[in-house]
């Protein structure tokens, strides 16, 4: 069972992103404030959950959260400012859209830039430790997947329906054969080894 909070008397928001390692599409981030007494035995790091379970949890999180927000930074901006800065920017945008201002951010990972007036704690593998970060992980992942499914309809040759923009062999071969779409990250290296 994941922990409900780090500091019981502060308003905490969990923050996480999805899509950092992709070759195409935006990076999405979410911020979630859960009630202190919130419990959910099914909630975990979104990467450990099935698609079906993530979709069920998304509805549950949106219903139960005191506040939540999802934001994105597109591939063009990722190319301009790099993926780390874009991920942090997406998290900032999500936090600043919350209807309740948190006093502490629990951020998945080890890098973050402070938001004025809000303390933060970086927690490596935090999406497997704290419910609020896991909830943010689920929202970021499900919203990004939905976005990539819509893009797949326009560009079906890249397999985004399955790979969601990640560098699978199918995706990398399609880039080498067909070139980039307007949604590809041009600064990300694409390689296919001869034996592949």
N, C-alpha and C. Protein backbone atom coordinates (compact mmCIF):
# COMPACT_ATOMS: atom_id res chain seq x y z
N UNK A 1 0.86 -1.21 0.00
CA UNK A 1 0.00 0.00 0.00
C UNK A 1 0.89 1.25 0.00
N UNK A 2 0.60 2.19 -0.89
CA UNK A 2 1.40 3.40 -0.97
C UNK A 2 1.06 4.34 0.19
N UNK A 3 1.99 5.24 0.48
CA UNK A 3 1.77 6.21 1.58
C UNK A 3 0.82 7.30 1.12
N UNK A 4 0.01 7.78 2.07
CA UNK A 4 -0.96 8.83 1.71
C UNK A 4 -0.33 10.22 1.72
N UNK A 5 0.71 10.44 2.56
CA UNK A 5 1.34 11.77 2.55
C UNK A 5 2.72 11.71 3.18
N UNK A 6 3.48 12.77 2.94
CA UNK A 6 4.81 12.92 3.53
C UNK A 6 4.70 13.73 4.82
N UNK A 7 3.86 14.75 4.79
CA UNK A 7 3.66 15.63 5.95
C UNK A 7 2.17 15.80 6.20
N UNK A 8 1.63 15.21 7.22
CA UNK A 8 0.17 15.18 7.44
C UNK A 8 -0.49 16.55 7.52
N UNK A 9 0.24 17.59 7.98
CA UNK A 9 -0.45 18.89 8.15
C UNK A 9 -0.32 19.86 6.98
N UNK A 10 0.36 19.47 5.89
CA UNK A 10 0.46 20.38 4.74
C UNK A 10 -0.40 19.88 3.59
N UNK A 11 -0.87 20.83 2.77
CA UNK A 11 -1.59 20.46 1.54
C UNK A 11 -0.54 20.05 0.52
N UNK A 12 -0.56 18.78 0.15
CA UNK A 12 0.44 18.23 -0.77
C UNK A 12 -0.18 17.94 -2.14
N UNK A 13 0.61 18.21 -3.17
CA UNK A 13 0.23 17.79 -4.53
C UNK A 13 1.30 16.85 -5.05
N UNK A 14 0.89 15.72 -5.59
CA UNK A 14 1.81 14.82 -6.28
C UNK A 14 1.97 15.27 -7.72
N UNK A 15 3.18 15.19 -8.25
CA UNK A 15 3.45 15.61 -9.64
C UNK A 15 4.22 14.52 -10.37
N UNK A 16 3.82 14.28 -11.61
CA UNK A 16 4.55 13.32 -12.44
C UNK A 16 4.31 13.64 -13.90
N UNK A 17 5.16 13.07 -14.76
CA UNK A 17 5.02 13.30 -16.20
C UNK A 17 4.95 11.98 -16.95
N UNK A 18 4.57 12.06 -18.22
CA UNK A 18 4.53 10.89 -19.10
C UNK A 18 5.02 11.31 -20.48
N UNK A 19 5.84 10.44 -21.09
CA UNK A 19 6.26 10.69 -22.46
C UNK A 19 7.65 11.29 -22.61
N UNK A 20 8.45 11.18 -21.56
CA UNK A 20 9.80 11.76 -21.64
C UNK A 20 10.67 11.07 -22.68
N UNK A 21 10.60 9.75 -22.75
CA UNK A 21 11.50 9.00 -23.63
C UNK A 21 10.96 8.75 -25.02
N UNK A 22 9.93 9.47 -25.42
CA UNK A 22 9.31 9.24 -26.73
C UNK A 22 10.04 9.97 -27.85
N UNK A 23 9.85 9.48 -29.06
CA UNK A 23 10.39 10.15 -30.25
C UNK A 23 9.38 11.11 -30.87
N UNK A 24 8.12 11.00 -30.45
CA UNK A 24 7.07 11.83 -31.03
C UNK A 24 6.06 12.22 -29.97
N UNK A 25 5.38 13.34 -30.24
CA UNK A 25 4.31 13.78 -29.36
C UNK A 25 4.80 14.64 -28.21
N UNK A 26 3.86 15.19 -27.46
CA UNK A 26 4.20 16.07 -26.35
C UNK A 26 4.60 15.27 -25.11
N UNK A 27 5.12 15.98 -24.12
CA UNK A 27 5.24 15.44 -22.78
C UNK A 27 4.04 15.96 -21.99
N UNK A 28 3.40 15.09 -21.24
CA UNK A 28 2.25 15.46 -20.42
C UNK A 28 2.67 15.41 -18.95
N UNK A 29 2.08 16.28 -18.14
CA UNK A 29 2.32 16.22 -16.69
C UNK A 29 1.01 16.45 -15.96
N UNK A 30 0.93 15.89 -14.77
CA UNK A 30 -0.27 16.07 -13.94
C UNK A 30 0.14 16.44 -12.53
N UNK A 31 -0.75 17.15 -11.85
CA UNK A 31 -0.60 17.46 -10.43
C UNK A 31 -1.92 17.08 -9.76
N UNK A 32 -1.83 16.40 -8.63
CA UNK A 32 -3.04 15.89 -7.96
C UNK A 32 -2.94 16.11 -6.46
N UNK A 33 -4.01 16.67 -5.90
CA UNK A 33 -4.14 16.78 -4.44
C UNK A 33 -5.24 15.82 -4.00
N UNK A 34 -4.86 14.83 -3.22
CA UNK A 34 -5.82 13.84 -2.71
C UNK A 34 -6.19 14.16 -1.27
N UNK A 35 -7.38 13.76 -0.83
CA UNK A 35 -7.71 13.92 0.59
C UNK A 35 -6.71 13.13 1.45
N UNK A 36 -6.41 13.65 2.65
CA UNK A 36 -5.41 12.99 3.52
C UNK A 36 -5.82 11.56 3.86
N UNK A 37 -7.13 11.32 3.96
CA UNK A 37 -7.61 9.98 4.36
C UNK A 37 -7.78 9.04 3.16
N UNK A 38 -7.41 9.51 1.96
CA UNK A 38 -7.63 8.72 0.75
C UNK A 38 -6.84 7.42 0.79
N UNK A 39 -7.52 6.34 0.39
CA UNK A 39 -6.85 5.03 0.28
C UNK A 39 -7.33 4.36 -1.00
N UNK A 40 -6.43 3.63 -1.64
CA UNK A 40 -6.81 2.87 -2.84
C UNK A 40 -5.76 1.79 -3.06
N UNK A 41 -6.15 0.55 -2.83
CA UNK A 41 -5.18 -0.55 -2.91
C UNK A 41 -4.74 -0.84 -4.35
N UNK A 42 -5.48 -0.33 -5.33
CA UNK A 42 -5.15 -0.59 -6.74
C UNK A 42 -4.22 0.46 -7.33
N UNK A 43 -4.12 1.63 -6.69
CA UNK A 43 -3.35 2.74 -7.26
C UNK A 43 -1.86 2.49 -7.10
N UNK A 44 -1.13 2.63 -8.21
CA UNK A 44 0.31 2.37 -8.22
C UNK A 44 0.91 3.14 -9.38
N UNK A 45 2.22 3.07 -9.51
CA UNK A 45 2.93 3.61 -10.66
C UNK A 45 2.22 3.15 -11.94
N UNK A 46 1.86 4.08 -12.81
CA UNK A 46 1.05 3.76 -13.99
C UNK A 46 1.71 2.71 -14.89
N UNK A 47 3.04 2.64 -14.86
CA UNK A 47 3.74 1.66 -15.72
C UNK A 47 3.48 0.22 -15.27
N UNK A 48 3.08 0.05 -14.02
CA UNK A 48 2.81 -1.30 -13.49
C UNK A 48 1.36 -1.73 -13.70
N UNK A 49 0.53 -0.84 -14.24
CA UNK A 49 -0.91 -1.11 -14.37
C UNK A 49 -1.28 -1.43 -15.80
N UNK A 50 -2.35 -2.20 -15.97
CA UNK A 50 -2.86 -2.46 -17.31
C UNK A 50 -3.57 -1.21 -17.84
N UNK A 51 -3.76 -1.17 -19.15
CA UNK A 51 -4.50 -0.05 -19.77
C UNK A 51 -5.89 0.08 -19.13
N UNK A 52 -6.57 -1.04 -18.99
CA UNK A 52 -7.92 -1.04 -18.43
C UNK A 52 -7.93 -0.48 -17.01
N UNK A 53 -6.97 -0.92 -16.17
CA UNK A 53 -6.91 -0.46 -14.78
C UNK A 53 -6.59 1.03 -14.71
N UNK A 54 -5.70 1.50 -15.59
CA UNK A 54 -5.39 2.94 -15.62
C UNK A 54 -6.63 3.76 -15.94
N UNK A 55 -7.42 3.30 -16.92
CA UNK A 55 -8.62 4.04 -17.31
C UNK A 55 -9.64 4.07 -16.16
N UNK A 56 -9.78 2.96 -15.44
CA UNK A 56 -10.69 2.93 -14.29
C UNK A 56 -10.20 3.87 -13.20
N UNK A 57 -8.90 3.85 -12.95
CA UNK A 57 -8.33 4.70 -11.90
C UNK A 57 -8.41 6.18 -12.27
N UNK A 58 -8.26 6.48 -13.55
CA UNK A 58 -8.38 7.88 -13.98
C UNK A 58 -9.72 8.47 -13.53
N UNK A 59 -10.80 7.74 -13.77
CA UNK A 59 -12.14 8.23 -13.39
C UNK A 59 -12.25 8.36 -11.87
N UNK A 60 -11.70 7.39 -11.17
CA UNK A 60 -11.74 7.39 -9.70
C UNK A 60 -10.94 8.56 -9.12
N UNK A 61 -9.77 8.82 -9.69
CA UNK A 61 -8.92 9.93 -9.22
C UNK A 61 -9.61 11.27 -9.47
N UNK A 62 -10.16 11.44 -10.67
CA UNK A 62 -10.81 12.71 -11.00
C UNK A 62 -12.01 12.97 -10.09
N UNK A 63 -12.67 11.90 -9.67
CA UNK A 63 -13.83 12.03 -8.79
C UNK A 63 -13.42 12.31 -7.35
N UNK A 64 -12.36 11.66 -6.89
CA UNK A 64 -11.97 11.72 -5.47
C UNK A 64 -11.01 12.84 -5.12
N UNK A 65 -10.23 13.32 -6.08
CA UNK A 65 -9.20 14.33 -5.78
C UNK A 65 -9.84 15.64 -5.33
N UNK A 66 -9.16 16.33 -4.43
CA UNK A 66 -9.59 17.68 -4.02
C UNK A 66 -9.32 18.65 -5.17
N UNK A 67 -8.26 18.40 -5.92
CA UNK A 67 -7.93 19.22 -7.09
C UNK A 67 -6.98 18.41 -7.98
N UNK A 68 -7.10 18.59 -9.28
CA UNK A 68 -6.18 17.94 -10.21
C UNK A 68 -6.09 18.76 -11.50
N UNK A 69 -4.98 18.63 -12.19
CA UNK A 69 -4.80 19.32 -13.47
C UNK A 69 -3.81 18.55 -14.32
N UNK A 70 -4.02 18.59 -15.62
CA UNK A 70 -3.12 17.94 -16.59
C UNK A 70 -2.72 18.98 -17.62
N UNK A 71 -1.43 19.04 -17.93
CA UNK A 71 -0.92 19.99 -18.93
C UNK A 71 0.07 19.28 -19.84
N UNK A 72 0.42 19.93 -20.94
CA UNK A 72 1.38 19.34 -21.87
C UNK A 72 2.30 20.41 -22.43
N UNK A 73 3.46 19.96 -22.91
CA UNK A 73 4.39 20.81 -23.67
C UNK A 73 4.68 20.06 -24.96
N UNK A 74 4.50 20.74 -26.10
CA UNK A 74 4.55 20.02 -27.37
C UNK A 74 5.97 19.74 -27.85
N UNK A 75 6.06 18.93 -28.92
CA UNK A 75 7.35 18.47 -29.43
C UNK A 75 8.24 19.61 -29.91
N UNK A 76 7.65 20.69 -30.43
CA UNK A 76 8.46 21.82 -30.91
C UNK A 76 9.17 22.50 -29.74
N UNK A 77 8.44 22.68 -28.67
CA UNK A 77 9.05 23.30 -27.49
C UNK A 77 10.08 22.36 -26.83
N UNK A 78 9.79 21.06 -26.88
CA UNK A 78 10.77 20.08 -26.38
C UNK A 78 12.08 20.24 -27.14
N UNK A 79 12.00 20.37 -28.46
CA UNK A 79 13.20 20.55 -29.27
C UNK A 79 13.94 21.85 -28.93
N UNK A 80 13.18 22.87 -28.54
CA UNK A 80 13.79 24.17 -28.22
C UNK A 80 14.49 24.18 -26.87
N UNK A 81 13.84 23.58 -25.85
CA UNK A 81 14.35 23.77 -24.48
C UNK A 81 14.87 22.47 -23.84
N UNK A 82 14.78 21.36 -24.52
CA UNK A 82 15.18 20.00 -24.12
C UNK A 82 14.10 19.35 -23.26
N UNK A 83 14.15 18.02 -23.20
CA UNK A 83 13.07 17.25 -22.60
C UNK A 83 12.99 17.43 -21.08
N UNK A 84 14.13 17.61 -20.42
CA UNK A 84 14.08 17.82 -18.97
C UNK A 84 13.35 19.12 -18.64
N UNK A 85 13.76 20.20 -19.31
CA UNK A 85 13.11 21.49 -19.06
C UNK A 85 11.64 21.46 -19.46
N UNK A 86 11.33 20.76 -20.55
CA UNK A 86 9.93 20.66 -20.99
C UNK A 86 9.09 19.89 -19.98
N UNK A 87 9.66 18.82 -19.41
CA UNK A 87 8.94 18.03 -18.40
C UNK A 87 8.64 18.88 -17.17
N UNK A 88 9.65 19.64 -16.73
CA UNK A 88 9.47 20.51 -15.56
C UNK A 88 8.46 21.61 -15.88
N UNK A 89 8.54 22.17 -17.10
CA UNK A 89 7.57 23.21 -17.49
C UNK A 89 6.14 22.67 -17.47
N UNK A 90 5.95 21.45 -17.98
CA UNK A 90 4.61 20.84 -17.99
C UNK A 90 4.10 20.66 -16.55
N UNK A 91 4.99 20.24 -15.64
CA UNK A 91 4.60 20.09 -14.24
C UNK A 91 4.24 21.43 -13.62
N UNK A 92 5.04 22.46 -13.90
CA UNK A 92 4.72 23.81 -13.41
C UNK A 92 3.34 24.25 -13.89
N UNK A 93 3.09 24.05 -15.17
CA UNK A 93 1.79 24.46 -15.73
C UNK A 93 0.64 23.75 -15.03
N UNK A 94 0.81 22.45 -14.77
CA UNK A 94 -0.24 21.67 -14.09
C UNK A 94 -0.46 22.17 -12.67
N UNK A 95 0.63 22.40 -11.94
CA UNK A 95 0.52 22.88 -10.54
C UNK A 95 -0.20 24.23 -10.50
N UNK A 96 0.17 25.12 -11.41
CA UNK A 96 -0.40 26.47 -11.39
C UNK A 96 -1.86 26.50 -11.84
N UNK A 97 -2.34 25.39 -12.41
CA UNK A 97 -3.75 25.31 -12.79
C UNK A 97 -4.63 24.69 -11.70
N UNK A 98 -4.02 24.20 -10.63
CA UNK A 98 -4.80 23.59 -9.55
C UNK A 98 -5.71 24.63 -8.91
N UNK A 99 -6.92 24.22 -8.57
CA UNK A 99 -7.87 25.14 -7.95
C UNK A 99 -7.56 25.37 -6.47
N UNK A 100 -6.74 24.48 -5.89
CA UNK A 100 -6.26 24.67 -4.52
C UNK A 100 -4.74 24.78 -4.62
N UNK A 101 -4.16 25.80 -3.99
CA UNK A 101 -2.70 25.94 -4.07
C UNK A 101 -2.04 25.05 -3.02
N UNK A 102 -1.19 24.13 -3.45
CA UNK A 102 -0.52 23.25 -2.49
C UNK A 102 0.58 24.00 -1.72
N UNK A 103 0.92 23.46 -0.55
CA UNK A 103 2.04 24.01 0.24
C UNK A 103 3.31 23.21 0.00
N UNK A 104 3.15 21.98 -0.50
CA UNK A 104 4.29 21.11 -0.76
C UNK A 104 4.03 20.27 -1.99
N UNK A 105 5.02 20.19 -2.86
CA UNK A 105 4.92 19.33 -4.05
C UNK A 105 5.78 18.09 -3.83
N UNK A 106 5.18 16.93 -4.08
CA UNK A 106 5.93 15.68 -4.09
C UNK A 106 6.17 15.35 -5.56
N UNK A 107 7.41 15.47 -6.01
CA UNK A 107 7.74 15.38 -7.43
C UNK A 107 8.45 14.06 -7.70
N UNK A 108 7.94 13.30 -8.67
CA UNK A 108 8.59 12.06 -9.04
C UNK A 108 9.91 12.36 -9.74
N UNK A 109 10.98 11.68 -9.33
CA UNK A 109 12.27 11.88 -9.98
C UNK A 109 13.25 12.64 -9.09
N UNK A 110 14.32 13.12 -9.72
CA UNK A 110 15.37 13.78 -8.93
C UNK A 110 15.68 15.20 -9.38
N UNK A 111 14.91 15.75 -10.33
CA UNK A 111 15.18 17.12 -10.83
C UNK A 111 13.90 17.91 -10.90
N UNK A 112 13.97 19.14 -10.40
CA UNK A 112 12.81 20.05 -10.45
C UNK A 112 13.31 21.47 -10.24
N UNK A 113 12.59 22.42 -10.78
CA UNK A 113 12.91 23.83 -10.52
C UNK A 113 11.82 24.39 -9.62
N UNK A 114 12.20 25.12 -8.58
CA UNK A 114 11.20 25.59 -7.60
C UNK A 114 10.13 26.48 -8.24
N UNK A 115 8.94 26.37 -7.70
CA UNK A 115 7.85 27.32 -8.02
C UNK A 115 7.77 28.26 -6.83
N UNK A 116 7.80 29.54 -7.09
CA UNK A 116 7.83 30.52 -6.01
C UNK A 116 6.67 30.32 -5.04
N UNK A 117 7.00 30.27 -3.76
CA UNK A 117 5.97 30.16 -2.72
C UNK A 117 5.54 28.74 -2.40
N UNK A 118 6.08 27.74 -3.13
CA UNK A 118 5.70 26.34 -2.87
C UNK A 118 6.96 25.51 -2.67
N UNK A 119 7.07 24.86 -1.53
CA UNK A 119 8.20 23.95 -1.31
C UNK A 119 8.01 22.68 -2.14
N UNK A 120 9.11 22.01 -2.41
CA UNK A 120 8.99 20.75 -3.15
C UNK A 120 9.99 19.72 -2.62
N UNK A 121 9.67 18.47 -2.84
CA UNK A 121 10.52 17.35 -2.46
C UNK A 121 10.60 16.43 -3.66
N UNK A 122 11.81 16.19 -4.17
CA UNK A 122 11.99 15.23 -5.27
C UNK A 122 12.12 13.84 -4.67
N UNK A 123 11.37 12.90 -5.22
CA UNK A 123 11.36 11.53 -4.68
C UNK A 123 11.58 10.55 -5.83
N UNK A 124 12.74 9.91 -5.83
CA UNK A 124 13.04 8.93 -6.88
C UNK A 124 12.10 7.74 -6.74
N UNK A 125 11.51 7.34 -7.86
CA UNK A 125 10.50 6.27 -7.90
C UNK A 125 9.32 6.57 -6.98
N UNK A 126 9.02 7.87 -6.88
CA UNK A 126 7.93 8.32 -6.01
C UNK A 126 6.56 7.82 -6.43
N UNK A 127 6.41 7.50 -7.74
CA UNK A 127 5.11 7.01 -8.21
C UNK A 127 4.80 5.61 -7.68
N UNK A 128 5.80 4.95 -7.10
CA UNK A 128 5.57 3.66 -6.46
C UNK A 128 5.57 3.76 -4.94
N UNK A 129 5.64 5.00 -4.42
CA UNK A 129 5.71 5.21 -2.97
C UNK A 129 4.55 6.01 -2.41
N UNK A 130 4.10 7.05 -3.16
CA UNK A 130 3.07 7.95 -2.65
C UNK A 130 1.84 7.94 -3.56
N UNK A 131 0.68 7.91 -2.93
CA UNK A 131 -0.58 7.85 -3.68
C UNK A 131 -0.76 9.05 -4.60
N UNK A 132 -0.41 10.26 -4.12
CA UNK A 132 -0.64 11.45 -4.94
C UNK A 132 0.24 11.46 -6.19
N UNK A 133 1.49 10.96 -6.06
CA UNK A 133 2.37 10.90 -7.24
C UNK A 133 1.87 9.81 -8.19
N UNK A 134 1.45 8.68 -7.63
CA UNK A 134 0.89 7.60 -8.47
C UNK A 134 -0.34 8.10 -9.23
N UNK A 135 -1.18 8.88 -8.54
CA UNK A 135 -2.38 9.44 -9.18
C UNK A 135 -1.99 10.38 -10.32
N UNK A 136 -0.97 11.21 -10.10
CA UNK A 136 -0.49 12.10 -11.16
C UNK A 136 0.07 11.30 -12.32
N UNK A 137 0.76 10.21 -12.00
CA UNK A 137 1.33 9.33 -13.02
C UNK A 137 0.23 8.74 -13.91
N UNK A 138 -0.86 8.30 -13.27
CA UNK A 138 -1.99 7.71 -14.02
C UNK A 138 -2.65 8.76 -14.92
N UNK A 139 -2.88 9.96 -14.38
CA UNK A 139 -3.54 10.99 -15.20
C UNK A 139 -2.64 11.41 -16.37
N UNK A 140 -1.37 11.64 -16.11
CA UNK A 140 -0.46 12.05 -17.19
C UNK A 140 -0.41 10.98 -18.28
N UNK A 141 -0.30 9.73 -17.88
CA UNK A 141 -0.21 8.62 -18.84
C UNK A 141 -1.49 8.45 -19.65
N UNK A 142 -2.65 8.47 -18.99
CA UNK A 142 -3.91 8.22 -19.72
C UNK A 142 -4.24 9.38 -20.66
N UNK A 143 -3.97 10.61 -20.23
CA UNK A 143 -4.25 11.75 -21.12
C UNK A 143 -3.29 11.75 -22.31
N UNK A 144 -2.04 11.39 -22.06
CA UNK A 144 -1.09 11.35 -23.18
C UNK A 144 -1.44 10.22 -24.16
N UNK A 145 -1.80 9.05 -23.62
CA UNK A 145 -2.19 7.94 -24.49
C UNK A 145 -3.37 8.31 -25.38
N UNK A 146 -4.34 8.99 -24.78
CA UNK A 146 -5.53 9.42 -25.54
C UNK A 146 -5.12 10.37 -26.68
N UNK A 147 -4.21 11.28 -26.38
CA UNK A 147 -3.71 12.23 -27.37
C UNK A 147 -3.00 11.49 -28.52
N UNK A 148 -2.16 10.51 -28.16
CA UNK A 148 -1.41 9.78 -29.18
C UNK A 148 -2.32 8.88 -30.03
N UNK A 149 -3.38 8.38 -29.44
CA UNK A 149 -4.36 7.59 -30.22
C UNK A 149 -5.02 8.47 -31.28
N UNK A 150 -5.32 9.71 -30.91
CA UNK A 150 -5.91 10.64 -31.88
C UNK A 150 -4.91 10.95 -33.00
N UNK A 151 -3.63 11.12 -32.66
CA UNK A 151 -2.60 11.37 -33.68
C UNK A 151 -2.42 10.16 -34.59
N UNK A 152 -2.59 8.96 -34.04
CA UNK A 152 -2.46 7.73 -34.82
C UNK A 152 -3.43 7.72 -36.00
N UNK A 153 -4.61 8.29 -35.80
CA UNK A 153 -5.60 8.34 -36.88
C UNK A 153 -5.08 9.13 -38.08
N UNK A 154 -4.27 10.16 -37.80
CA UNK A 154 -3.71 10.99 -38.88
C UNK A 154 -2.45 10.36 -39.48
N UNK A 155 -1.69 9.66 -38.64
CA UNK A 155 -0.40 9.10 -39.08
C UNK A 155 -0.33 7.62 -38.68
N UNK A 156 -1.12 6.77 -39.34
CA UNK A 156 -1.20 5.36 -38.91
C UNK A 156 0.06 4.53 -39.16
N UNK A 157 0.96 5.01 -40.02
CA UNK A 157 2.13 4.20 -40.39
C UNK A 157 3.20 4.09 -39.29
N UNK A 158 3.08 4.88 -38.24
CA UNK A 158 4.13 4.91 -37.21
C UNK A 158 3.80 4.06 -35.98
N UNK A 159 2.62 3.44 -36.00
CA UNK A 159 2.27 2.52 -34.92
C UNK A 159 1.98 3.17 -33.58
N UNK A 160 1.59 4.46 -33.59
CA UNK A 160 1.38 5.17 -32.32
C UNK A 160 0.23 4.60 -31.50
N UNK A 161 -0.66 3.90 -32.17
CA UNK A 161 -1.77 3.25 -31.45
C UNK A 161 -1.22 2.27 -30.40
N UNK A 162 -0.11 1.61 -30.76
CA UNK A 162 0.52 0.64 -29.84
C UNK A 162 1.69 1.25 -29.07
N UNK A 163 2.59 1.96 -29.80
CA UNK A 163 3.83 2.39 -29.13
C UNK A 163 3.74 3.77 -28.48
N UNK A 164 2.65 4.51 -28.75
CA UNK A 164 2.42 5.84 -28.14
C UNK A 164 3.58 6.82 -28.36
N UNK A 165 4.37 6.58 -29.41
CA UNK A 165 5.48 7.49 -29.72
C UNK A 165 6.82 7.04 -29.17
N UNK A 166 6.82 5.93 -28.42
CA UNK A 166 8.10 5.42 -27.88
C UNK A 166 8.92 4.78 -29.00
N UNK A 167 10.24 4.66 -28.81
CA UNK A 167 11.12 4.21 -29.90
C UNK A 167 11.15 2.70 -30.11
N UNK A 168 10.03 2.12 -30.47
CA UNK A 168 10.01 0.70 -30.83
C UNK A 168 10.68 0.52 -32.20
N UNK A 169 11.01 -0.71 -32.52
CA UNK A 169 11.64 -0.98 -33.82
C UNK A 169 10.72 -0.53 -34.96
N UNK A 170 9.43 -0.87 -34.85
CA UNK A 170 8.46 -0.47 -35.87
C UNK A 170 8.47 1.04 -36.08
N UNK A 171 8.47 1.79 -34.99
CA UNK A 171 8.43 3.25 -35.06
C UNK A 171 9.72 3.80 -35.68
N UNK A 172 10.87 3.27 -35.24
CA UNK A 172 12.14 3.77 -35.78
C UNK A 172 12.28 3.46 -37.27
N UNK A 173 11.86 2.27 -37.68
CA UNK A 173 11.93 1.91 -39.11
C UNK A 173 11.01 2.82 -39.94
N UNK A 174 9.83 3.12 -39.40
CA UNK A 174 8.89 4.00 -40.13
C UNK A 174 9.49 5.39 -40.32
N UNK A 175 10.19 5.89 -39.30
CA UNK A 175 10.83 7.21 -39.43
C UNK A 175 11.90 7.17 -40.53
N UNK A 176 12.72 6.11 -40.53
CA UNK A 176 13.78 6.00 -41.53
C UNK A 176 13.21 5.86 -42.94
N UNK A 177 12.06 5.20 -43.07
CA UNK A 177 11.45 4.99 -44.39
C UNK A 177 10.59 6.16 -44.85
N UNK A 178 9.90 6.81 -43.91
CA UNK A 178 8.91 7.83 -44.28
C UNK A 178 9.30 9.25 -43.88
N UNK A 179 10.30 9.37 -43.01
CA UNK A 179 10.69 10.70 -42.53
C UNK A 179 9.87 11.11 -41.31
N UNK A 180 10.11 12.32 -40.86
CA UNK A 180 9.43 12.84 -39.68
C UNK A 180 8.04 13.36 -40.01
N UNK A 181 7.15 13.30 -39.04
CA UNK A 181 5.86 14.02 -39.11
C UNK A 181 6.06 15.35 -38.37
N UNK A 182 5.07 16.24 -38.43
CA UNK A 182 5.17 17.49 -37.67
C UNK A 182 5.16 17.26 -36.15
N UNK A 183 4.90 16.03 -35.72
CA UNK A 183 4.81 15.75 -34.28
C UNK A 183 6.04 15.04 -33.74
N UNK A 184 7.04 14.82 -34.58
CA UNK A 184 8.27 14.18 -34.11
C UNK A 184 9.20 15.19 -33.45
N UNK A 185 9.97 14.68 -32.50
CA UNK A 185 10.98 15.48 -31.82
C UNK A 185 12.27 15.37 -32.63
N UNK A 186 12.63 16.42 -33.31
CA UNK A 186 13.74 16.37 -34.27
C UNK A 186 15.10 16.23 -33.58
N UNK A 187 15.18 16.59 -32.31
CA UNK A 187 16.47 16.54 -31.60
C UNK A 187 16.73 15.16 -31.00
N UNK A 188 15.77 14.23 -31.12
CA UNK A 188 15.96 12.89 -30.57
C UNK A 188 16.55 11.98 -31.63
N UNK A 189 17.65 11.30 -31.30
CA UNK A 189 18.34 10.45 -32.27
C UNK A 189 17.51 9.21 -32.59
N UNK A 190 17.47 8.85 -33.86
CA UNK A 190 16.75 7.64 -34.29
C UNK A 190 17.76 6.71 -34.92
N UNK A 191 17.89 5.51 -34.36
CA UNK A 191 18.85 4.55 -34.90
C UNK A 191 18.19 3.20 -35.07
N UNK A 192 18.57 2.52 -36.16
CA UNK A 192 18.19 1.13 -36.34
C UNK A 192 19.47 0.36 -36.65
N UNK A 193 19.78 -0.63 -35.85
CA UNK A 193 21.00 -1.42 -36.08
C UNK A 193 20.80 -2.31 -37.31
N UNK A 194 21.88 -2.62 -38.02
CA UNK A 194 21.76 -3.43 -39.26
C UNK A 194 21.04 -4.76 -39.03
N UNK A 195 21.26 -5.43 -37.89
CA UNK A 195 20.62 -6.73 -37.66
C UNK A 195 19.12 -6.61 -37.39
N UNK A 196 18.65 -5.37 -37.12
CA UNK A 196 17.22 -5.20 -36.88
C UNK A 196 16.48 -5.06 -38.21
